[in-house]
Structures are given as structure tokens and as C-alpha cells.
PDB file of N, CA and C in Angstrom:
ATOM      1  N   MET A   1     -15.143  19.337  -2.559  1.00  0.00           N
ATOM      2  CA  MET A   1     -14.014  18.470  -2.834  1.00  0.00           C
ATOM      3  C   MET A   1     -14.033  18.135  -4.325  1.00  0.00           C
ATOM      4  N   ALA A   2     -13.040  18.588  -5.058  1.00  0.00           N
ATOM      5  CA  ALA A   2     -12.999  18.369  -6.501  1.00  0.00           C
ATOM      6  C   ALA A   2     -12.475  16.969  -6.786  1.00  0.00           C
ATOM      7  N   ARG A   3     -13.066  16.341  -7.744  1.00  0.00           N
ATOM      8  CA  ARG A   3     -12.631  15.009  -8.156  1.00  0.00           C
ATOM      9  C   ARG A   3     -12.404  15.019  -9.644  1.00  0.00           C
ATOM     10  N   SER A   4     -11.386  14.326 -10.089  1.00  0.00           N
ATOM     11  CA  SER A   4     -11.198  14.180 -11.523  1.00  0.00           C
ATOM     12  C   SER A   4     -11.734  12.818 -11.922  1.00  0.00           C
ATOM     13  N   PHE A   5     -12.184  12.718 -13.138  1.00  0.00           N
ATOM     14  CA  PHE A   5     -12.765  11.462 -13.585  1.00  0.00           C
ATOM     15  C   PHE A   5     -12.289  11.208 -15.000  1.00  0.00           C
ATOM     16  N   ASP A   6     -11.883   9.996 -15.269  1.00  0.00           N
ATOM     17  CA  ASP A   6     -11.417   9.620 -16.598  1.00  0.00           C
ATOM     18  C   ASP A   6     -12.626   9.185 -17.418  1.00  0.00           C
ATOM     19  N   TYR A   7     -13.093  10.078 -18.283  1.00  0.00           N
ATOM     20  CA  TYR A   7     -14.302   9.794 -19.061  1.00  0.00           C
ATOM     21  C   TYR A   7     -14.094   8.662 -20.060  1.00  0.00           C
ATOM     22  N   GLU A   8     -12.869   8.505 -20.523  1.00  0.00           N
ATOM     23  CA  GLU A   8     -12.600   7.465 -21.513  1.00  0.00           C
ATOM     24  C   GLU A   8     -12.719   6.073 -20.903  1.00  0.00           C
ATOM     25  N   SER A   9     -12.296   5.918 -19.646  1.00  0.00           N
ATOM     26  CA  SER A   9     -12.323   4.584 -19.037  1.00  0.00           C
ATOM     27  C   SER A   9     -13.615   4.324 -18.279  1.00  0.00           C
ATOM     28  N   ALA A  10     -14.543   5.291 -18.291  1.00  0.00           N
ATOM     29  CA  ALA A  10     -15.832   5.091 -17.613  1.00  0.00           C
ATOM     30  C   ALA A  10     -16.582   3.979 -18.313  1.00  0.00           C
ATOM     31  N   PRO A  11     -17.102   3.030 -17.545  1.00  0.00           N
ATOM     32  CA  PRO A  11     -17.811   1.923 -18.187  1.00  0.00           C
ATOM     33  C   PRO A  11     -19.092   2.423 -18.843  1.00  0.00           C
ATOM     34  N   ALA A  12     -19.273   2.033 -20.065  1.00  0.00           N
ATOM     35  CA  ALA A  12     -20.484   2.421 -20.797  1.00  0.00           C
ATOM     36  C   ALA A  12     -21.610   1.497 -20.388  1.00  0.00           C
ATOM     37  N   SER A  13     -22.838   1.959 -20.541  1.00  0.00           N
ATOM     38  CA  SER A  13     -23.976   1.104 -20.197  1.00  0.00           C
ATOM     39  C   SER A  13     -24.125   0.035 -21.267  1.00  0.00           C
ATOM     40  N   ASP A  14     -25.079  -0.843 -21.081  1.00  0.00           N
ATOM     41  CA  ASP A  14     -25.245  -1.984 -21.974  1.00  0.00           C
ATOM     42  C   ASP A  14     -25.594  -1.569 -23.397  1.00  0.00           C
ATOM     43  N   ASP A  15     -26.264  -0.424 -23.531  1.00  0.00           N
ATOM     44  CA  ASP A  15     -26.620   0.023 -24.881  1.00  0.00           C
ATOM     45  C   ASP A  15     -25.371   0.434 -25.634  1.00  0.00           C
ATOM     46  N   ALA A  16     -25.274  -0.032 -26.873  1.00  0.00           N
ATOM     47  CA  ALA A  16     -24.109   0.307 -27.685  1.00  0.00           C
ATOM     48  C   ALA A  16     -24.132   1.775 -28.059  1.00  0.00           C
ATOM     49  N   GLU A  17     -25.316   2.368 -28.134  1.00  0.00           N
ATOM     50  CA  GLU A  17     -25.471   3.757 -28.542  1.00  0.00           C
ATOM     51  C   GLU A  17     -25.861   4.628 -27.352  1.00  0.00           C
ATOM     52  N   THR A  18     -24.997   4.757 -26.354  1.00  0.00           N
ATOM     53  CA  THR A  18     -25.279   5.614 -25.209  1.00  0.00           C
ATOM     54  C   THR A  18     -24.886   7.033 -25.569  1.00  0.00           C
ATOM     55  N   SER A  19     -25.792   7.945 -25.355  1.00  0.00           N
ATOM     56  CA  SER A  19     -25.503   9.342 -25.694  1.00  0.00           C
ATOM     57  C   SER A  19     -24.556   9.931 -24.654  1.00  0.00           C
ATOM     58  N   PRO A  20     -23.792  10.944 -25.032  1.00  0.00           N
ATOM     59  CA  PRO A  20     -22.891  11.598 -24.071  1.00  0.00           C
ATOM     60  C   PRO A  20     -23.645  12.155 -22.872  1.00  0.00           C
ATOM     61  N   LEU A  21     -24.867  12.632 -23.100  1.00  0.00           N
ATOM     62  CA  LEU A  21     -25.662  13.175 -22.006  1.00  0.00           C
ATOM     63  C   LEU A  21     -26.030  12.083 -20.998  1.00  0.00           C
ATOM     64  N   GLU A  22     -26.364  10.893 -21.499  1.00  0.00           N
ATOM     65  CA  GLU A  22     -26.687   9.778 -20.611  1.00  0.00           C
ATOM     66  C   GLU A  22     -25.455   9.333 -19.831  1.00  0.00           C
ATOM     67  N   ARG A  23     -24.308   9.306 -20.506  1.00  0.00           N
ATOM     68  CA  ARG A  23     -23.066   8.943 -19.827  1.00  0.00           C
ATOM     69  C   ARG A  23     -22.727   9.942 -18.747  1.00  0.00           C
ATOM     70  N   LEU A  24     -22.927  11.234 -19.036  1.00  0.00           N
ATOM     71  CA  LEU A  24     -22.650  12.285 -18.060  1.00  0.00           C
ATOM     72  C   LEU A  24     -23.568  12.149 -16.859  1.00  0.00           C
ATOM     73  N   ALA A  25     -24.835  11.846 -17.080  1.00  0.00           N
ATOM     74  CA  ALA A  25     -25.789  11.647 -15.983  1.00  0.00           C
ATOM     75  C   ALA A  25     -25.378  10.455 -15.128  1.00  0.00           C
ATOM     76  N   GLU A  26     -24.894   9.400 -15.782  1.00  0.00           N
ATOM     77  CA  GLU A  26     -24.430   8.210 -15.083  1.00  0.00           C
ATOM     78  C   GLU A  26     -23.237   8.551 -14.184  1.00  0.00           C
ATOM     79  N   ILE A  27     -22.299   9.300 -14.738  1.00  0.00           N
ATOM     80  CA  ILE A  27     -21.099   9.703 -13.991  1.00  0.00           C
ATOM     81  C   ILE A  27     -21.486  10.600 -12.817  1.00  0.00           C
ATOM     82  N   ALA A  28     -22.394  11.545 -13.045  1.00  0.00           N
ATOM     83  CA  ALA A  28     -22.833  12.459 -11.985  1.00  0.00           C
ATOM     84  C   ALA A  28     -23.503  11.685 -10.854  1.00  0.00           C
ATOM     85  N   ALA A  29     -24.309  10.693 -11.193  1.00  0.00           N
ATOM     86  CA  ALA A  29     -24.987   9.892 -10.173  1.00  0.00           C
ATOM     87  C   ALA A  29     -23.975   9.134  -9.328  1.00  0.00           C
ATOM     88  N   ARG A  30     -22.957   8.548  -9.984  1.00  0.00           N
ATOM     89  CA  ARG A  30     -21.926   7.817  -9.263  1.00  0.00           C
ATOM     90  C   ARG A  30     -21.120   8.751  -8.370  1.00  0.00           C
ATOM     91  N   THR A  31     -20.792   9.939  -8.879  1.00  0.00           N
ATOM     92  CA  THR A  31     -20.016  10.909  -8.107  1.00  0.00           C
ATOM     93  C   THR A  31     -20.799  11.384  -6.894  1.00  0.00           C
ATOM     94  N   ALA A  32     -22.088  11.643  -7.055  1.00  0.00           N
ATOM     95  CA  ALA A  32     -22.936  12.065  -5.936  1.00  0.00           C
ATOM     96  C   ALA A  32     -23.014  10.970  -4.879  1.00  0.00           C
ATOM     97  N   GLU A  33     -23.088   9.722  -5.327  1.00  0.00           N
ATOM     98  CA  GLU A  33     -23.151   8.593  -4.399  1.00  0.00           C
ATOM     99  C   GLU A  33     -21.864   8.516  -3.583  1.00  0.00           C
ATOM    100  N   GLU A  34     -20.710   8.695  -4.243  1.00  0.00           N
ATOM    101  CA  GLU A  34     -19.425   8.664  -3.552  1.00  0.00           C
ATOM    102  C   GLU A  34     -19.291   9.851  -2.613  1.00  0.00           C
ATOM    103  N   ALA A  35     -19.783  11.022  -3.001  1.00  0.00           N
ATOM    104  CA  ALA A  35     -19.696  12.215  -2.158  1.00  0.00           C
ATOM    105  C   ALA A  35     -20.503  12.025  -0.885  1.00  0.00           C
ATOM    106  N   GLY A  36     -21.585  11.282  -0.946  1.00  0.00           N
ATOM    107  CA  GLY A  36     -22.401  11.019   0.231  1.00  0.00           C
ATOM    108  C   GLY A  36     -21.625  10.280   1.308  1.00  0.00           C
ATOM    109  N   LYS A  37     -20.642   9.493   0.905  1.00  0.00           N
ATOM    110  CA  LYS A  37     -19.823   8.760   1.856  1.00  0.00           C
ATOM    111  C   LYS A  37     -18.999   9.717   2.718  1.00  0.00           C
ATOM    112  N   PHE A  38     -18.715  10.912   2.197  1.00  0.00           N
ATOM    113  CA  PHE A  38     -17.875  11.872   2.893  1.00  0.00           C
ATOM    114  C   PHE A  38     -18.681  13.028   3.480  1.00  0.00           C
ATOM    115  N   ALA A  39     -19.977  12.860   3.632  1.00  0.00           N
ATOM    116  CA  ALA A  39     -20.834  13.942   4.131  1.00  0.00           C
ATOM    117  C   ALA A  39     -20.471  14.346   5.550  1.00  0.00           C
ATOM    118  N   ASN A  40     -19.937  13.437   6.354  1.00  0.00           N
ATOM    119  CA  ASN A  40     -19.605  13.749   7.741  1.00  0.00           C
ATOM    120  C   ASN A  40     -18.231  14.384   7.903  1.00  0.00           C
ATOM    121  N   VAL A  41     -17.510  14.584   6.827  1.00  0.00           N
ATOM    122  CA  VAL A  41     -16.189  15.206   6.906  1.00  0.00           C
ATOM    123  C   VAL A  41     -16.305  16.605   7.496  1.00  0.00           C
ATOM    124  N   ASP A  42     -17.354  17.334   7.147  1.00  0.00           N
ATOM    125  CA  ASP A  42     -17.558  18.679   7.675  1.00  0.00           C
ATOM    126  C   ASP A  42     -17.644  18.659   9.193  1.00  0.00           C
ATOM    127  N   ALA A  43     -18.352  17.698   9.739  1.00  0.00           N
ATOM    128  CA  ALA A  43     -18.481  17.586  11.191  1.00  0.00           C
ATOM    129  C   ALA A  43     -17.138  17.280  11.832  1.00  0.00           C
ATOM    130  N   ILE A  44     -16.348  16.446  11.197  1.00  0.00           N
ATOM    131  CA  ILE A  44     -15.028  16.093  11.719  1.00  0.00           C
ATOM    132  C   ILE A  44     -14.106  17.306  11.711  1.00  0.00           C
ATOM    133  N   LEU A  45     -14.173  18.120  10.673  1.00  0.00           N
ATOM    134  CA  LEU A  45     -13.298  19.282  10.564  1.00  0.00           C
ATOM    135  C   LEU A  45     -13.594  20.344  11.613  1.00  0.00           C
ATOM    136  N   ARG A  46     -14.769  20.284  12.255  1.00  0.00           N
ATOM    137  CA  ARG A  46     -15.117  21.258  13.288  1.00  0.00           C
ATOM    138  C   ARG A  46     -14.741  20.799  14.694  1.00  0.00           C
ATOM    139  N   ILE A  47     -14.171  19.616  14.841  1.00  0.00           N
ATOM    140  CA  ILE A  47     -13.793  19.110  16.163  1.00  0.00           C
ATOM    141  C   ILE A  47     -12.591  19.906  16.675  1.00  0.00           C
ATOM    142  N   PRO A  48     -12.709  20.491  17.878  1.00  0.00           N
ATOM    143  CA  PRO A  48     -11.569  21.252  18.412  1.00  0.00           C
ATOM    144  C   PRO A  48     -10.472  20.311  18.918  1.00  0.00           C
ATOM    145  N   VAL A  49      -9.240  20.700  18.705  1.00  0.00           N
ATOM    146  CA  VAL A  49      -8.090  19.959  19.212  1.00  0.00           C
ATOM    147  C   VAL A  49      -7.204  20.928  19.984  1.00  0.00           C
ATOM    148  N   THR A  50      -6.420  20.410  20.904  1.00  0.00           N
ATOM    149  CA  THR A  50      -5.509  21.240  21.675  1.00  0.00           C
ATOM    150  C   THR A  50      -4.157  21.263  20.981  1.00  0.00           C
ATOM    151  N   MET A  51      -3.690  22.472  20.673  1.00  0.00           N
ATOM    152  CA  MET A  51      -2.389  22.632  20.018  1.00  0.00           C
ATOM    153  C   MET A  51      -1.461  23.355  20.980  1.00  0.00           C
ATOM    154  N   GLN A  52      -0.248  22.836  21.124  1.00  0.00           N
ATOM    155  CA  GLN A  52       0.746  23.445  21.995  1.00  0.00           C
ATOM    156  C   GLN A  52       2.030  23.632  21.213  1.00  0.00           C
ATOM    157  N   VAL A  53       2.771  24.656  21.577  1.00  0.00           N
ATOM    158  CA  VAL A  53       4.104  24.862  21.022  1.00  0.00           C
ATOM    159  C   VAL A  53       5.076  24.654  22.170  1.00  0.00           C
ATOM    160  N   VAL A  54       5.939  23.669  22.019  1.00  0.00           N
ATOM    161  CA  VAL A  54       6.849  23.290  23.099  1.00  0.00           C
ATOM    162  C   VAL A  54       8.211  23.927  22.849  1.00  0.00           C
ATOM    163  N   LEU A  55       8.569  24.862  23.732  1.00  0.00           N
ATOM    164  CA  LEU A  55       9.866  25.519  23.628  1.00  0.00           C
ATOM    165  C   LEU A  55      10.985  24.635  24.138  1.00  0.00           C
ATOM    166  N   GLY A  56      10.649  23.699  24.984  1.00  0.00           N
ATOM    167  CA  GLY A  56      11.643  22.794  25.554  1.00  0.00           C
ATOM    168  C   GLY A  56      11.092  22.181  26.815  1.00  0.00           C
ATOM    169  N   SER A  57      11.881  21.345  27.443  1.00  0.00           N
ATOM    170  CA  SER A  57      11.464  20.718  28.695  1.00  0.00           C
ATOM    171  C   SER A  57      12.684  20.559  29.583  1.00  0.00           C
ATOM    172  N   ALA A  58      12.427  20.252  30.832  1.00  0.00           N
ATOM    173  CA  ALA A  58      13.501  20.043  31.800  1.00  0.00           C
ATOM    174  C   ALA A  58      13.058  18.972  32.779  1.00  0.00           C
ATOM    175  N   THR A  59      14.003  18.200  33.247  1.00  0.00           N
ATOM    176  CA  THR A  59      13.746  17.203  34.284  1.00  0.00           C
ATOM    177  C   THR A  59      14.551  17.616  35.507  1.00  0.00           C
ATOM    178  N   ILE A  60      13.837  17.856  36.611  1.00  0.00           N
ATOM    179  CA  ILE A  60      14.519  18.252  37.843  1.00  0.00           C
ATOM    180  C   ILE A  60      13.926  17.484  39.010  1.00  0.00           C
ATOM    181  N   PRO A  61      14.740  17.241  40.035  1.00  0.00           N
ATOM    182  CA  PRO A  61      14.220  16.550  41.216  1.00  0.00           C
ATOM    183  C   PRO A  61      13.196  17.417  41.951  1.00  0.00           C
ATOM    184  N   VAL A  62      12.293  16.782  42.653  1.00  0.00           N
ATOM    185  CA  VAL A  62      11.254  17.487  43.394  1.00  0.00           C
ATOM    186  C   VAL A  62      11.878  18.472  44.384  1.00  0.00           C
ATOM    187  N   ALA A  63      12.991  18.103  45.007  1.00  0.00           N
ATOM    188  CA  ALA A  63      13.646  18.988  45.983  1.00  0.00           C
ATOM    189  C   ALA A  63      14.029  20.315  45.325  1.00  0.00           C
ATOM    190  N   ASN A  64      14.560  20.263  44.097  1.00  0.00           N
ATOM    191  CA  ASN A  64      14.933  21.495  43.385  1.00  0.00           C
ATOM    192  C   ASN A  64      13.685  22.255  42.948  1.00  0.00           C
ATOM    193  N   LEU A  65      12.636  21.537  42.597  1.00  0.00           N
ATOM    194  CA  LEU A  65      11.378  22.167  42.207  1.00  0.00           C
ATOM    195  C   LEU A  65      10.809  22.975  43.372  1.00  0.00           C
ATOM    196  N   MET A  66      10.920  22.426  44.575  1.00  0.00           N
ATOM    197  CA  MET A  66      10.402  23.113  45.753  1.00  0.00           C
ATOM    198  C   MET A  66      11.183  24.388  46.065  1.00  0.00           C
ATOM    199  N   LYS A  67      12.413  24.474  45.618  1.00  0.00           N
ATOM    200  CA  LYS A  67      13.249  25.653  45.881  1.00  0.00           C
ATOM    201  C   LYS A  67      13.000  26.778  44.878  1.00  0.00           C
ATOM    202  N   LEU A  68      12.261  26.498  43.807  1.00  0.00           N
ATOM    203  CA  LEU A  68      12.035  27.522  42.783  1.00  0.00           C
ATOM    204  C   LEU A  68      11.172  28.646  43.340  1.00  0.00           C
ATOM    205  N   GLY A  69      11.489  29.828  42.933  1.00  0.00           N
ATOM    206  CA  GLY A  69      10.709  30.985  43.355  1.00  0.00           C
ATOM    207  C   GLY A  69      10.701  32.007  42.237  1.00  0.00           C
ATOM    208  N   ARG A  70      10.121  33.150  42.517  1.00  0.00           N
ATOM    209  CA  ARG A  70      10.032  34.220  41.538  1.00  0.00           C
ATOM    210  C   ARG A  70      11.426  34.591  41.038  1.00  0.00           C
ATOM    211  N   GLY A  71      11.577  34.651  39.721  1.00  0.00           N
ATOM    212  CA  GLY A  71      12.856  35.024  39.105  1.00  0.00           C
ATOM    213  C   GLY A  71      13.780  33.846  38.845  1.00  0.00           C
ATOM    214  N   ALA A  72      13.409  32.655  39.295  1.00  0.00           N
ATOM    215  CA  ALA A  72      14.248  31.482  39.052  1.00  0.00           C
ATOM    216  C   ALA A  72      14.253  31.164  37.559  1.00  0.00           C
ATOM    217  N   VAL A  73      15.384  30.699  37.082  1.00  0.00           N
ATOM    218  CA  VAL A  73      15.518  30.320  35.675  1.00  0.00           C
ATOM    219  C   VAL A  73      15.693  28.814  35.596  1.00  0.00           C
ATOM    220  N   VAL A  74      14.828  28.170  34.813  1.00  0.00           N
ATOM    221  CA  VAL A  74      14.919  26.731  34.611  1.00  0.00           C
ATOM    222  C   VAL A  74      15.447  26.504  33.200  1.00  0.00           C
ATOM    223  N   PRO A  75      16.682  25.984  33.070  1.00  0.00           N
ATOM    224  CA  PRO A  75      17.225  25.746  31.726  1.00  0.00           C
ATOM    225  C   PRO A  75      16.453  24.635  31.019  1.00  0.00           C
ATOM    226  N   LEU A  76      16.133  24.870  29.746  1.00  0.00           N
ATOM    227  CA  LEU A  76      15.403  23.891  28.948  1.00  0.00           C
ATOM    228  C   LEU A  76      16.368  23.125  28.060  1.00  0.00           C
ATOM    229  N   ASP A  77      15.890  22.009  27.507  1.00  0.00           N
ATOM    230  CA  ASP A  77      16.747  21.171  26.666  1.00  0.00           C
ATOM    231  C   ASP A  77      16.906  21.719  25.244  1.00  0.00           C
ATOM    232  N   HIS A  78      16.080  22.655  24.815  1.00  0.00           N
ATOM    233  CA  HIS A  78      16.240  23.257  23.488  1.00  0.00           C
ATOM    234  C   HIS A  78      17.153  24.474  23.573  1.00  0.00           C
ATOM    235  N   ARG A  79      17.911  24.706  22.532  1.00  0.00           N
ATOM    236  CA  ARG A  79      18.796  25.874  22.477  1.00  0.00           C
ATOM    237  C   ARG A  79      18.154  26.961  21.625  1.00  0.00           C
ATOM    238  N   VAL A  80      18.635  28.174  21.790  1.00  0.00           N
ATOM    239  CA  VAL A  80      18.158  29.304  20.990  1.00  0.00           C
ATOM    240  C   VAL A  80      18.420  28.997  19.517  1.00  0.00           C
ATOM    241  N   GLY A  81      17.420  29.203  18.686  1.00  0.00           N
ATOM    242  CA  GLY A  81      17.561  28.957  17.249  1.00  0.00           C
ATOM    243  C   GLY A  81      17.106  27.578  16.811  1.00  0.00           C
ATOM    244  N   GLU A  82      16.984  26.641  17.743  1.00  0.00           N
ATOM    245  CA  GLU A  82      16.482  25.313  17.383  1.00  0.00           C
ATOM    246  C   GLU A  82      14.982  25.397  17.154  1.00  0.00           C
ATOM    247  N   PRO A  83      14.461  24.561  16.251  1.00  0.00           N
ATOM    248  CA  PRO A  83      13.011  24.591  16.009  1.00  0.00           C
ATOM    249  C   PRO A  83      12.235  24.128  17.241  1.00  0.00           C
ATOM    250  N   VAL A  84      11.046  24.706  17.404  1.00  0.00           N
ATOM    251  CA  VAL A  84      10.157  24.294  18.488  1.00  0.00           C
ATOM    252  C   VAL A  84       9.199  23.246  17.949  1.00  0.00           C
ATOM    253  N   ASP A  85       8.687  22.402  18.822  1.00  0.00           N
ATOM    254  CA  ASP A  85       7.748  21.359  18.419  1.00  0.00           C
ATOM    255  C   ASP A  85       6.319  21.888  18.500  1.00  0.00           C
ATOM    256  N   VAL A  86       5.526  21.582  17.476  1.00  0.00           N
ATOM    257  CA  VAL A  86       4.099  21.886  17.485  1.00  0.00           C
ATOM    258  C   VAL A  86       3.393  20.567  17.767  1.00  0.00           C
ATOM    259  N   VAL A  87       2.675  20.537  18.893  1.00  0.00           N
ATOM    260  CA  VAL A  87       2.064  19.303  19.378  1.00  0.00           C
ATOM    261  C   VAL A  87       0.545  19.451  19.344  1.00  0.00           C
ATOM    262  N   VAL A  88      -0.140  18.477  18.736  1.00  0.00           N
ATOM    263  CA  VAL A  88      -1.598  18.461  18.703  1.00  0.00           C
ATOM    264  C   VAL A  88      -2.062  17.188  19.403  1.00  0.00           C
ATOM    265  N   ASN A  89      -2.846  17.371  20.451  1.00  0.00           N
ATOM    266  CA  ASN A  89      -3.353  16.247  21.249  1.00  0.00           C
ATOM    267  C   ASN A  89      -2.245  15.277  21.649  1.00  0.00           C
ATOM    268  N   GLY A  90      -1.112  15.832  22.073  1.00  0.00           N
ATOM    269  CA  GLY A  90      -0.016  15.021  22.584  1.00  0.00           C
ATOM    270  C   GLY A  90       0.919  14.448  21.537  1.00  0.00           C
ATOM    271  N   ARG A  91       0.726  14.777  20.279  1.00  0.00           N
ATOM    272  CA  ARG A  91       1.563  14.216  19.209  1.00  0.00           C
ATOM    273  C   ARG A  91       2.238  15.332  18.423  1.00  0.00           C
ATOM    274  N   VAL A  92       3.542  15.220  18.191  1.00  0.00           N
ATOM    275  CA  VAL A  92       4.276  16.224  17.410  1.00  0.00           C
ATOM    276  C   VAL A  92       3.829  16.122  15.960  1.00  0.00           C
ATOM    277  N   VAL A  93       3.297  17.226  15.413  1.00  0.00           N
ATOM    278  CA  VAL A  93       2.820  17.233  14.032  1.00  0.00           C
ATOM    279  C   VAL A  93       3.652  18.146  13.135  1.00  0.00           C
ATOM    280  N   ALA A  94       4.426  19.060  13.759  1.00  0.00           N
ATOM    281  CA  ALA A  94       5.229  19.987  12.963  1.00  0.00           C
ATOM    282  C   ALA A  94       6.321  20.584  13.835  1.00  0.00           C
ATOM    283  N   ARG A  95       7.238  21.284  13.178  1.00  0.00           N
ATOM    284  CA  ARG A  95       8.281  22.042  13.869  1.00  0.00           C
ATOM    285  C   ARG A  95       8.332  23.421  13.239  1.00  0.00           C
ATOM    286  N   GLY A  96       8.781  24.388  14.009  1.00  0.00           N
ATOM    287  CA  GLY A  96       8.821  25.733  13.463  1.00  0.00           C
ATOM    288  C   GLY A  96       9.683  26.670  14.270  1.00  0.00           C
ATOM    289  N   GLU A  97       9.664  27.938  13.848  1.00  0.00           N
ATOM    290  CA  GLU A  97      10.446  28.985  14.493  1.00  0.00           C
ATOM    291  C   GLU A  97       9.498  29.952  15.184  1.00  0.00           C
ATOM    292  N   VAL A  98       9.891  30.417  16.353  1.00  0.00           N
ATOM    293  CA  VAL A  98       9.090  31.402  17.073  1.00  0.00           C
ATOM    294  C   VAL A  98       9.257  32.752  16.384  1.00  0.00           C
ATOM    295  N   VAL A  99       8.131  33.423  16.139  1.00  0.00           N
ATOM    296  CA  VAL A  99       8.141  34.735  15.492  1.00  0.00           C
ATOM    297  C   VAL A  99       7.233  35.681  16.276  1.00  0.00           C
ATOM    298  N   VAL A 100       7.398  36.976  16.048  1.00  0.00           N
ATOM    299  CA  VAL A 100       6.506  37.973  16.626  1.00  0.00           C
ATOM    300  C   VAL A 100       5.383  38.197  15.630  1.00  0.00           C
ATOM    301  N   VAL A 101       4.131  38.167  16.107  1.00  0.00           N
ATOM    302  CA  VAL A 101       2.977  38.348  15.238  1.00  0.00           C
ATOM    303  C   VAL A 101       2.965  39.786  14.736  1.00  0.00           C
ATOM    304  N   GLU A 102       2.857  39.966  13.423  1.00  0.00           N
ATOM    305  CA  GLU A 102       2.951  41.296  12.808  1.00  0.00           C
ATOM    306  C   GLU A 102       1.869  42.249  13.287  1.00  0.00           C
ATOM    307  N   GLU A 103       0.627  41.782  13.393  1.00  0.00           N
ATOM    308  CA  GLU A 103      -0.480  42.670  13.753  1.00  0.00           C
ATOM    309  C   GLU A 103      -0.413  43.110  15.209  1.00  0.00           C
ATOM    310  N   ASP A 104       0.219  42.322  16.055  1.00  0.00           N
ATOM    311  CA  ASP A 104       0.233  42.597  17.491  1.00  0.00           C
ATOM    312  C   ASP A 104       1.608  42.241  18.035  1.00  0.00           C
ATOM    313  N   ASN A 105       2.480  43.222  18.148  1.00  0.00           N
ATOM    314  CA  ASN A 105       3.867  42.963  18.553  1.00  0.00           C
ATOM    315  C   ASN A 105       4.007  42.410  19.964  1.00  0.00           C
ATOM    316  N   SER A 106       2.914  42.328  20.705  1.00  0.00           N
ATOM    317  CA  SER A 106       2.995  41.789  22.060  1.00  0.00           C
ATOM    318  C   SER A 106       2.700  40.286  22.087  1.00  0.00           C
ATOM    319  N   ARG A 107       2.515  39.687  20.904  1.00  0.00           N
ATOM    320  CA  ARG A 107       2.190  38.253  20.846  1.00  0.00           C
ATOM    321  C   ARG A 107       3.206  37.503  20.002  1.00  0.00           C
ATOM    322  N   PHE A 108       3.405  36.247  20.364  1.00  0.00           N
ATOM    323  CA  PHE A 108       4.287  35.363  19.605  1.00  0.00           C
ATOM    324  C   PHE A 108       3.455  34.444  18.723  1.00  0.00           C
ATOM    325  N   GLY A 109       4.084  33.918  17.692  1.00  0.00           N
ATOM    326  CA  GLY A 109       3.474  32.927  16.831  1.00  0.00           C
ATOM    327  C   GLY A 109       4.540  31.923  16.428  1.00  0.00           C
ATOM    328  N   VAL A 110       4.167  30.986  15.591  1.00  0.00           N
ATOM    329  CA  VAL A 110       5.105  29.980  15.107  1.00  0.00           C
ATOM    330  C   VAL A 110       5.040  29.943  13.593  1.00  0.00           C
ATOM    331  N   SER A 111       6.179  30.060  12.957  1.00  0.00           N
ATOM    332  CA  SER A 111       6.281  29.900  11.512  1.00  0.00           C
ATOM    333  C   SER A 111       6.706  28.456  11.262  1.00  0.00           C
ATOM    334  N   LEU A 112       5.821  27.667  10.636  1.00  0.00           N
ATOM    335  CA  LEU A 112       6.114  26.245  10.433  1.00  0.00           C
ATOM    336  C   LEU A 112       7.214  26.063   9.407  1.00  0.00           C
ATOM    337  N   THR A 113       8.179  25.243   9.743  1.00  0.00           N
ATOM    338  CA  THR A 113       9.290  24.960   8.840  1.00  0.00           C
ATOM    339  C   THR A 113       9.315  23.508   8.393  1.00  0.00           C
ATOM    340  N   GLU A 114       8.602  22.650   9.131  1.00  0.00           N
ATOM    341  CA  GLU A 114       8.619  21.216   8.818  1.00  0.00           C
ATOM    342  C   GLU A 114       7.317  20.583   9.293  1.00  0.00           C
ATOM    343  N   ILE A 115       6.717  19.775   8.446  1.00  0.00           N
ATOM    344  CA  ILE A 115       5.546  18.998   8.822  1.00  0.00           C
ATOM    345  C   ILE A 115       6.027  17.576   9.072  1.00  0.00           C
ATOM    346  N   VAL A 116       5.672  17.039  10.228  1.00  0.00           N
ATOM    347  CA  VAL A 116       6.136  15.702  10.593  1.00  0.00           C
ATOM    348  C   VAL A 116       5.199  14.672   9.990  1.00  0.00           C
ATOM    349  N   GLY A 117       5.762  13.694   9.282  1.00  0.00           N
ATOM    350  CA  GLY A 117       4.976  12.652   8.631  1.00  0.00           C
ATOM    351  C   GLY A 117       4.436  11.661   9.634  1.00  0.00           C
ATOM    352  N   PRO A 118       3.642  10.690   9.160  1.00  0.00           N
ATOM    353  CA  PRO A 118       2.992   9.725  10.044  1.00  0.00           C
ATOM    354  C   PRO A 118       3.965   8.838  10.807  1.00  0.00           C
ATOM    355  N   LEU A 119       5.160   8.632  10.292  1.00  0.00           N
ATOM    356  CA  LEU A 119       6.127   7.779  10.969  1.00  0.00           C
ATOM    357  C   LEU A 119       7.156   8.591  11.720  1.00  0.00           C
ATOM    358  N   GLY A 120       6.876   9.881  11.948  1.00  0.00           N
ATOM    359  CA  GLY A 120       7.804  10.731  12.670  1.00  0.00           C
ATOM    360  C   GLY A 120       8.887  11.305  11.777  1.00  0.00           C
ATOM    361  N   GLN A 121       8.743  11.117  10.469  1.00  0.00           N
ATOM    362  CA  GLN A 121       9.732  11.651   9.534  1.00  0.00           C
ATOM    363  C   GLN A 121       9.244  12.972   9.006  1.00  0.00           C
ATOM    364  N   GLY A 122      10.139  13.926   8.810  1.00  0.00           N
ATOM    365  CA  GLY A 122       9.750  15.257   8.360  1.00  0.00           C
ATOM    366  C   GLY A 122       9.509  15.303   6.869  1.00  0.00           C
ATOM    367  N   ASP A 123       8.502  16.077   6.468  1.00  0.00           N
ATOM    368  CA  ASP A 123       8.215  16.347   5.059  1.00  0.00           C
ATOM    369  C   ASP A 123       8.362  17.843   4.853  1.00  0.00           C
ATOM    370  N   SER A 124       9.548  18.293   4.541  1.00  0.00           N
ATOM    371  CA  SER A 124       9.783  19.734   4.400  1.00  0.00           C
ATOM    372  C   SER A 124       9.076  20.316   3.216  1.00  0.00           C
TER     373      SER A 124
END
């Protein structure tokens, strides 16, 4: 994780004649101390999450559900061409378009077109 540091505003030690090498060592020590606070980030980044792509949904009465059989078509609330929702652990995090994966034409993928912000607002 790269960090920028403003060397001019770095507090100098009590000695009026602090060498640049001593100041650099001071800055490095502080940076290492701060980096230690984020040592567990690696462990967090390895946590698996469930990601789903939602093409649409439908609400039907149980009686109609019981009548469904092979070949039945259930109309969804999304239309062709509308973006699909990318859901991670039950929360919409992005929207995108369904595409065919180039390496394997028998598989679908999602091309992200919008990242959903923390308040549900899109950040294109």
C-alpha cells in the first residue's frame, strides 16, 4: 500500500540541526508503525463472499408455482437490454450487461457498467 508523505510539514525533532537521514528514519519508523495497523487487511481480502447476478425476479402465487413444469416460461421483471444487478452477500454492489465469455463461448459473464455507491447511488 503506497503512501505519500509531506516531508515539509513533517514535525522535526527537538534538535535544531536534525540531519535529513535522521528525519527520514523518523518518517520510516512512523510509516512502519501505521502499516502495522493494517496488517490484517490481507486476511480480510481472502474472505470468500457469495456473488450473484440477478437477471430479474417474479412474484407468483403458490398455485401457479405448482402448475409449472418442464418448458414453462416465467416472465421476469427485467426487460431485454436492461442492466442486471450484481449482488454480493445480499446487497446490490454493481450493475452490468450480460456478455458471452471470450475464452469459452458456452459461458456467460457480466460486463460492469455501474458501481453502486454506499447509499445506493451509482458511481459510473
